[in-house]
N, C-alpha and C. Protein backbone atom coordinates (compact mmCIF):
# COMPACT_ATOMS: atom_id res chain seq x y z
N MET A 1 13.56 6.86 70.49
CA MET A 1 13.02 8.16 70.13
C MET A 1 13.38 8.56 68.76
N MET A 2 14.66 8.64 68.58
CA MET A 2 15.57 9.00 67.45
C MET A 2 14.61 8.53 66.13
N HIS A 3 14.10 7.09 66.22
CA HIS A 3 13.70 6.65 65.18
C HIS A 3 12.10 7.29 64.87
N LEU A 4 11.42 7.83 65.85
CA LEU A 4 10.14 8.55 65.63
C LEU A 4 10.47 9.76 65.10
N LEU A 5 11.63 10.56 65.48
CA LEU A 5 11.99 11.89 64.73
C LEU A 5 12.23 11.60 63.31
N ALA A 6 12.86 10.56 62.96
CA ALA A 6 13.59 10.25 61.63
C ALA A 6 12.20 10.02 60.98
N GLN A 7 11.33 9.48 61.53
CA GLN A 7 9.99 9.19 60.69
C GLN A 7 9.08 10.31 60.35
N THR A 8 9.25 11.24 61.17
CA THR A 8 8.40 12.55 60.95
C THR A 8 8.83 13.50 60.08
N ASP A 9 10.16 12.95 59.74
CA ASP A 9 11.03 13.98 58.73
C ASP A 9 10.72 13.63 57.13
N SER A 10 10.26 12.41 57.20
CA SER A 10 10.36 11.91 55.96
C SER A 10 9.03 11.20 55.54
N PHE A 11 8.66 10.84 54.54
CA PHE A 11 7.53 10.20 53.65
C PHE A 11 7.86 9.00 53.33
N GLY A 12 7.75 8.07 54.22
CA GLY A 12 8.26 6.78 53.84
C GLY A 12 9.74 6.73 53.91
N SER A 13 10.35 6.37 52.63
CA SER A 13 11.73 6.46 52.52
C SER A 13 12.30 7.71 51.57
N VAL A 14 11.44 8.56 51.30
CA VAL A 14 11.78 9.55 50.51
C VAL A 14 11.54 10.81 51.39
N GLU A 15 12.40 11.66 51.36
CA GLU A 15 12.54 13.00 52.29
C GLU A 15 12.08 14.07 51.74
N LEU A 16 11.96 15.26 52.56
CA LEU A 16 11.40 16.43 51.87
C LEU A 16 12.31 17.13 50.86
N GLY A 17 13.59 17.26 51.10
CA GLY A 17 14.74 17.50 50.16
C GLY A 17 14.83 16.62 48.78
N HIS A 18 14.17 15.27 48.79
CA HIS A 18 13.90 14.77 47.44
C HIS A 18 12.77 15.52 46.49
N TYR A 19 11.54 15.64 47.13
CA TYR A 19 10.41 16.64 46.59
C TYR A 19 10.94 17.60 46.14
N LEU A 20 11.69 18.80 46.87
CA LEU A 20 11.90 19.73 46.58
C LEU A 20 13.17 19.92 45.50
N MET A 21 14.21 18.94 45.52
CA MET A 21 15.14 18.78 44.58
C MET A 21 14.26 18.68 43.16
N THR A 22 13.26 17.65 43.11
CA THR A 22 12.86 17.40 41.65
C THR A 22 12.08 18.55 41.25
N SER A 23 11.38 19.04 42.52
CA SER A 23 10.56 20.80 42.10
C SER A 23 11.53 21.54 41.49
N SER A 24 12.72 21.76 42.16
CA SER A 24 13.61 22.55 41.48
C SER A 24 14.29 22.36 40.00
N VAL A 25 14.21 21.12 39.85
CA VAL A 25 14.86 20.51 38.65
C VAL A 25 13.64 20.72 37.36
N LEU A 26 12.49 20.50 37.98
CA LEU A 26 11.55 20.76 36.86
C LEU A 26 11.19 22.21 36.58
N PHE A 27 11.31 23.23 37.32
CA PHE A 27 11.10 24.16 37.50
C PHE A 27 12.28 25.18 36.58
N VAL A 28 13.89 24.53 37.01
CA VAL A 28 14.73 25.14 35.90
C VAL A 28 14.53 24.86 34.62
N ILE A 29 14.13 23.31 34.43
CA ILE A 29 13.99 22.80 32.95
C ILE A 29 13.06 23.73 32.54
N GLY A 30 11.81 24.12 33.07
CA GLY A 30 10.81 24.79 32.43
C GLY A 30 11.31 26.55 32.11
N LEU A 31 12.17 26.93 33.18
CA LEU A 31 12.53 28.40 32.76
C LEU A 31 13.64 28.29 31.72
N ILE A 32 14.56 27.37 31.52
CA ILE A 32 15.38 27.23 30.74
C ILE A 32 14.51 27.20 29.25
N GLY A 33 13.77 26.30 29.26
CA GLY A 33 13.01 26.09 27.95
C GLY A 33 12.07 27.27 27.49
N PHE A 34 11.55 28.12 28.50
CA PHE A 34 11.26 29.19 28.32
C PHE A 34 11.69 30.11 27.56
N LEU A 35 13.25 30.39 28.30
CA LEU A 35 14.30 31.45 27.83
C LEU A 35 14.93 31.26 26.28
N THR A 36 14.74 29.80 26.07
CA THR A 36 15.43 29.45 24.98
C THR A 36 14.92 29.16 23.93
N ARG A 37 13.74 28.79 23.92
CA ARG A 37 12.89 28.35 22.87
C ARG A 37 12.03 29.85 22.32
N ARG A 38 11.86 29.46 21.17
CA ARG A 38 10.98 30.71 20.34
C ARG A 38 9.56 30.15 19.81
N ASN A 39 9.46 28.81 20.02
CA ASN A 39 8.01 28.19 19.50
C ASN A 39 7.20 28.44 20.69
N MET A 40 5.89 29.14 20.40
CA MET A 40 4.96 29.58 21.38
C MET A 40 4.27 28.59 22.15
N ILE A 41 4.26 27.44 21.40
CA ILE A 41 3.53 26.42 22.18
C ILE A 41 4.36 25.62 23.29
N VAL A 42 5.75 25.70 22.67
CA VAL A 42 6.76 25.20 23.51
C VAL A 42 7.08 26.07 24.88
N MET A 43 6.97 27.43 24.65
CA MET A 43 6.84 28.38 25.70
C MET A 43 5.79 28.12 26.53
N PHE A 44 4.59 27.72 26.15
CA PHE A 44 3.45 27.62 26.99
C PHE A 44 3.79 26.39 27.93
N LEU A 45 4.11 25.23 27.11
CA LEU A 45 4.26 23.94 27.83
C LEU A 45 5.48 24.46 28.93
N CYS A 46 6.30 24.92 28.83
CA CYS A 46 7.24 25.45 29.61
C CYS A 46 6.60 25.97 30.92
N THR A 47 5.94 26.91 30.74
CA THR A 47 5.39 27.84 31.74
C THR A 47 4.36 26.86 32.57
N GLU A 48 3.88 25.99 31.94
CA GLU A 48 3.14 24.76 32.61
C GLU A 48 3.58 24.03 33.50
N LEU A 49 5.06 23.56 33.16
CA LEU A 49 5.94 22.73 33.53
C LEU A 49 6.53 23.48 34.88
N MET A 50 6.49 24.83 34.82
CA MET A 50 6.98 25.68 36.16
C MET A 50 5.80 25.93 37.27
N PHE A 51 4.43 25.77 36.63
CA PHE A 51 3.36 25.71 37.49
C PHE A 51 3.46 24.35 38.20
N GLN A 52 3.68 23.33 37.58
CA GLN A 52 3.58 21.85 38.24
C GLN A 52 4.59 21.80 39.18
N ALA A 53 5.91 22.40 38.83
CA ALA A 53 6.90 22.39 39.82
C ALA A 53 6.58 22.99 41.24
N ALA A 54 5.99 24.28 41.03
CA ALA A 54 5.43 24.93 42.15
C ALA A 54 4.45 24.28 43.04
N ALA A 55 3.78 23.37 42.41
CA ALA A 55 2.51 22.73 42.77
C ALA A 55 3.24 21.47 43.61
N ILE A 56 4.09 20.86 43.07
CA ILE A 56 5.02 19.72 43.78
C ILE A 56 5.60 20.31 44.98
N ALA A 57 6.24 21.27 45.20
CA ALA A 57 6.90 22.12 46.29
C ALA A 57 5.65 22.60 47.27
N MET A 58 4.68 22.87 46.95
CA MET A 58 3.49 23.15 47.88
C MET A 58 3.36 21.84 48.88
N ILE A 59 2.66 20.90 47.76
CA ILE A 59 2.34 19.73 48.31
C ILE A 59 3.37 19.04 49.45
N ALA A 60 4.61 18.96 48.74
CA ALA A 60 5.42 18.62 49.75
C ALA A 60 5.53 19.37 50.87
N PHE A 61 5.97 20.54 50.86
CA PHE A 61 5.75 21.18 52.26
C PHE A 61 4.55 20.95 53.16
N SER A 62 3.27 21.08 52.44
CA SER A 62 2.02 20.61 53.25
C SER A 62 2.18 19.46 53.97
N ARG A 63 2.61 18.28 53.14
CA ARG A 63 2.77 17.00 53.81
C ARG A 63 3.84 17.11 55.06
N PHE A 64 4.57 17.61 54.64
CA PHE A 64 5.85 17.86 55.69
C PHE A 64 5.28 18.26 56.96
N HIS A 65 4.79 19.44 56.96
CA HIS A 65 4.26 20.10 58.20
C HIS A 65 2.81 19.92 58.73
N HIS A 66 2.25 18.87 57.79
CA HIS A 66 1.00 18.20 58.15
C HIS A 66 -0.03 19.46 58.15
N ASP A 67 -0.18 20.23 57.20
CA ASP A 67 -1.23 21.33 57.26
C ASP A 67 -1.83 20.88 55.88
N LEU A 68 -3.21 21.16 55.65
CA LEU A 68 -3.66 21.05 54.45
C LEU A 68 -3.95 22.22 53.33
N SER A 69 -3.56 23.24 54.16
CA SER A 69 -3.50 24.70 53.21
C SER A 69 -2.49 24.93 52.09
N GLY A 70 -1.37 23.97 52.00
CA GLY A 70 -0.76 23.93 50.79
C GLY A 70 -1.32 23.13 49.95
N GLN A 71 -2.16 22.09 50.15
CA GLN A 71 -2.81 21.27 49.27
C GLN A 71 -3.97 21.95 48.58
N VAL A 72 -4.27 22.85 49.57
CA VAL A 72 -5.74 23.63 48.89
C VAL A 72 -5.12 24.55 47.79
N PHE A 73 -3.91 25.06 48.41
CA PHE A 73 -3.58 26.18 47.39
C PHE A 73 -3.15 25.54 46.08
N VAL A 74 -2.83 24.53 46.03
CA VAL A 74 -2.39 23.48 44.90
C VAL A 74 -3.70 23.72 43.88
N ILE A 75 -4.72 23.30 44.55
CA ILE A 75 -6.11 23.33 43.76
C ILE A 75 -6.17 24.94 43.12
N PHE A 76 -5.97 26.05 43.65
CA PHE A 76 -5.75 27.34 43.11
C PHE A 76 -4.71 27.53 41.98
N ILE A 77 -3.52 26.85 42.05
CA ILE A 77 -2.60 26.85 41.17
C ILE A 77 -3.26 26.04 39.76
N LEU A 78 -3.75 25.02 39.98
CA LEU A 78 -4.42 24.28 39.12
C LEU A 78 -5.51 24.96 38.12
N THR A 79 -6.21 25.65 38.96
CA THR A 79 -7.18 26.28 38.35
C THR A 79 -6.56 27.44 37.44
N ILE A 80 -5.64 28.30 38.11
CA ILE A 80 -5.10 29.13 37.18
C ILE A 80 -4.43 28.88 36.03
N ALA A 81 -3.60 27.63 36.55
CA ALA A 81 -3.06 26.88 35.11
C ALA A 81 -4.27 26.33 33.97
N ALA A 82 -5.32 26.12 34.53
CA ALA A 82 -6.02 25.79 33.55
C ALA A 82 -6.81 26.80 32.44
N ALA A 83 -7.03 28.20 33.31
CA ALA A 83 -7.49 29.24 33.02
C ALA A 83 -6.34 29.69 31.75
N GLU A 84 -5.11 29.58 32.35
CA GLU A 84 -3.95 30.51 31.54
C GLU A 84 -3.88 29.40 30.22
N ALA A 85 -4.05 27.86 30.03
CA ALA A 85 -4.10 27.12 29.17
C ALA A 85 -4.86 27.36 28.04
N ALA A 86 -6.38 27.52 28.57
CA ALA A 86 -7.41 28.09 27.49
C ALA A 86 -7.02 29.35 26.76
N LEU A 87 -6.54 30.37 27.76
CA LEU A 87 -6.46 31.86 27.24
C LEU A 87 -5.38 31.77 26.11
N ALA A 88 -4.34 31.06 26.62
CA ALA A 88 -2.73 30.95 25.76
C ALA A 88 -3.09 30.12 24.58
N LEU A 89 -4.03 28.99 24.36
CA LEU A 89 -4.05 27.99 23.40
C LEU A 89 -5.14 29.03 22.26
N SER A 90 -5.86 29.70 22.92
CA SER A 90 -6.75 30.56 22.01
C SER A 90 -5.89 31.84 21.31
N LEU A 91 -4.96 32.37 21.87
CA LEU A 91 -4.15 33.27 21.34
C LEU A 91 -3.19 32.61 20.40
N VAL A 92 -2.82 31.57 20.99
CA VAL A 92 -1.77 31.06 19.87
C VAL A 92 -2.48 30.52 18.41
N VAL A 93 -3.59 29.95 18.68
CA VAL A 93 -4.53 29.67 17.38
C VAL A 93 -4.84 30.87 16.48
N LEU A 94 -5.11 32.07 17.29
CA LEU A 94 -5.57 33.49 16.64
C LEU A 94 -4.42 34.03 16.17
N LEU A 95 -3.19 33.99 16.60
CA LEU A 95 -1.93 34.40 16.36
C LEU A 95 -1.54 33.73 15.09
N TYR A 96 -1.59 32.29 14.96
CA TYR A 96 -1.22 31.47 13.86
C TYR A 96 -2.06 31.73 12.61
N ARG A 97 -3.33 32.11 12.84
CA ARG A 97 -4.09 32.48 11.51
C ARG A 97 -3.76 33.63 11.05
N ARG A 98 -3.19 34.53 11.71
CA ARG A 98 -2.40 36.08 11.28
C ARG A 98 -1.57 35.72 10.19
N LYS A 99 -0.44 35.01 11.01
CA LYS A 99 1.08 34.88 10.16
C LYS A 99 1.67 33.78 9.78
N GLU A 100 0.38 32.67 10.23
CA GLU A 100 1.05 31.20 9.79
C GLU A 100 2.45 30.84 10.21
N THR A 101 2.90 31.41 11.32
CA THR A 101 4.03 30.84 12.22
C THR A 101 3.47 30.96 13.69
N LEU A 102 4.40 30.07 14.35
CA LEU A 102 4.28 30.12 15.75
C LEU A 102 5.48 30.67 16.46
N SER A 103 6.38 31.23 15.70
CA SER A 103 7.63 32.13 16.34
C SER A 103 7.34 33.15 16.89
N ALA A 104 8.12 33.45 18.09
CA ALA A 104 7.84 34.47 18.97
C ALA A 104 8.34 35.68 18.73
N GLU A 105 9.41 35.42 17.59
CA GLU A 105 10.18 36.66 17.08
C GLU A 105 9.55 37.32 16.07
N ALA A 106 8.65 36.30 15.30
CA ALA A 106 7.79 37.07 14.20
C ALA A 106 6.52 37.97 14.98
N TRP A 107 6.26 37.95 16.27
CA TRP A 107 5.57 38.85 16.96
C TRP A 107 6.42 40.02 17.70
N SER A 108 7.39 40.06 17.79
CA SER A 108 8.14 40.91 18.53
C SER A 108 7.91 42.38 18.10
N GLU A 109 7.35 42.62 16.88
CA GLU A 109 7.39 44.11 16.53
C GLU A 109 5.96 44.55 16.59
N LEU A 110 4.93 43.98 17.85
CA LEU A 110 3.69 44.02 18.06
C LEU A 110 3.58 45.92 18.29
N ARG A 111 2.63 46.34 17.98
CA ARG A 111 2.37 47.89 18.07
C ARG A 111 1.00 48.07 18.09
N GLU A 112 0.45 49.24 18.73
CA GLU A 112 -0.94 49.54 18.99
C GLU A 112 -1.22 49.93 17.49
N THR A 113 -2.64 49.70 17.43
CA THR A 113 -3.35 49.92 15.79
C THR A 113 -4.42 50.99 16.26
């Protein structure tokens, strides 16, 4: 009986905690990168890394609880990430054309015209 309980609490030899630890490490790396870097492309990539960390956690919980709703929610996360990628990349190209730099500090004095 104990062997069956141990088997339902893990995915093969990897347990839920391993997935959550990986997810949290990726999220923290993305958060630190976003807060410390000033290049807009790197900041954009760090937000994508945080999205993927959230997706890993959703899939892990979904698999752990034998429920597909977390995996379906990941489809929405990926859709939002793709839309954000398209919008952010177009904004970065537009901003680069105006000031010839990708530093976020150069755009900190944005004002209404």
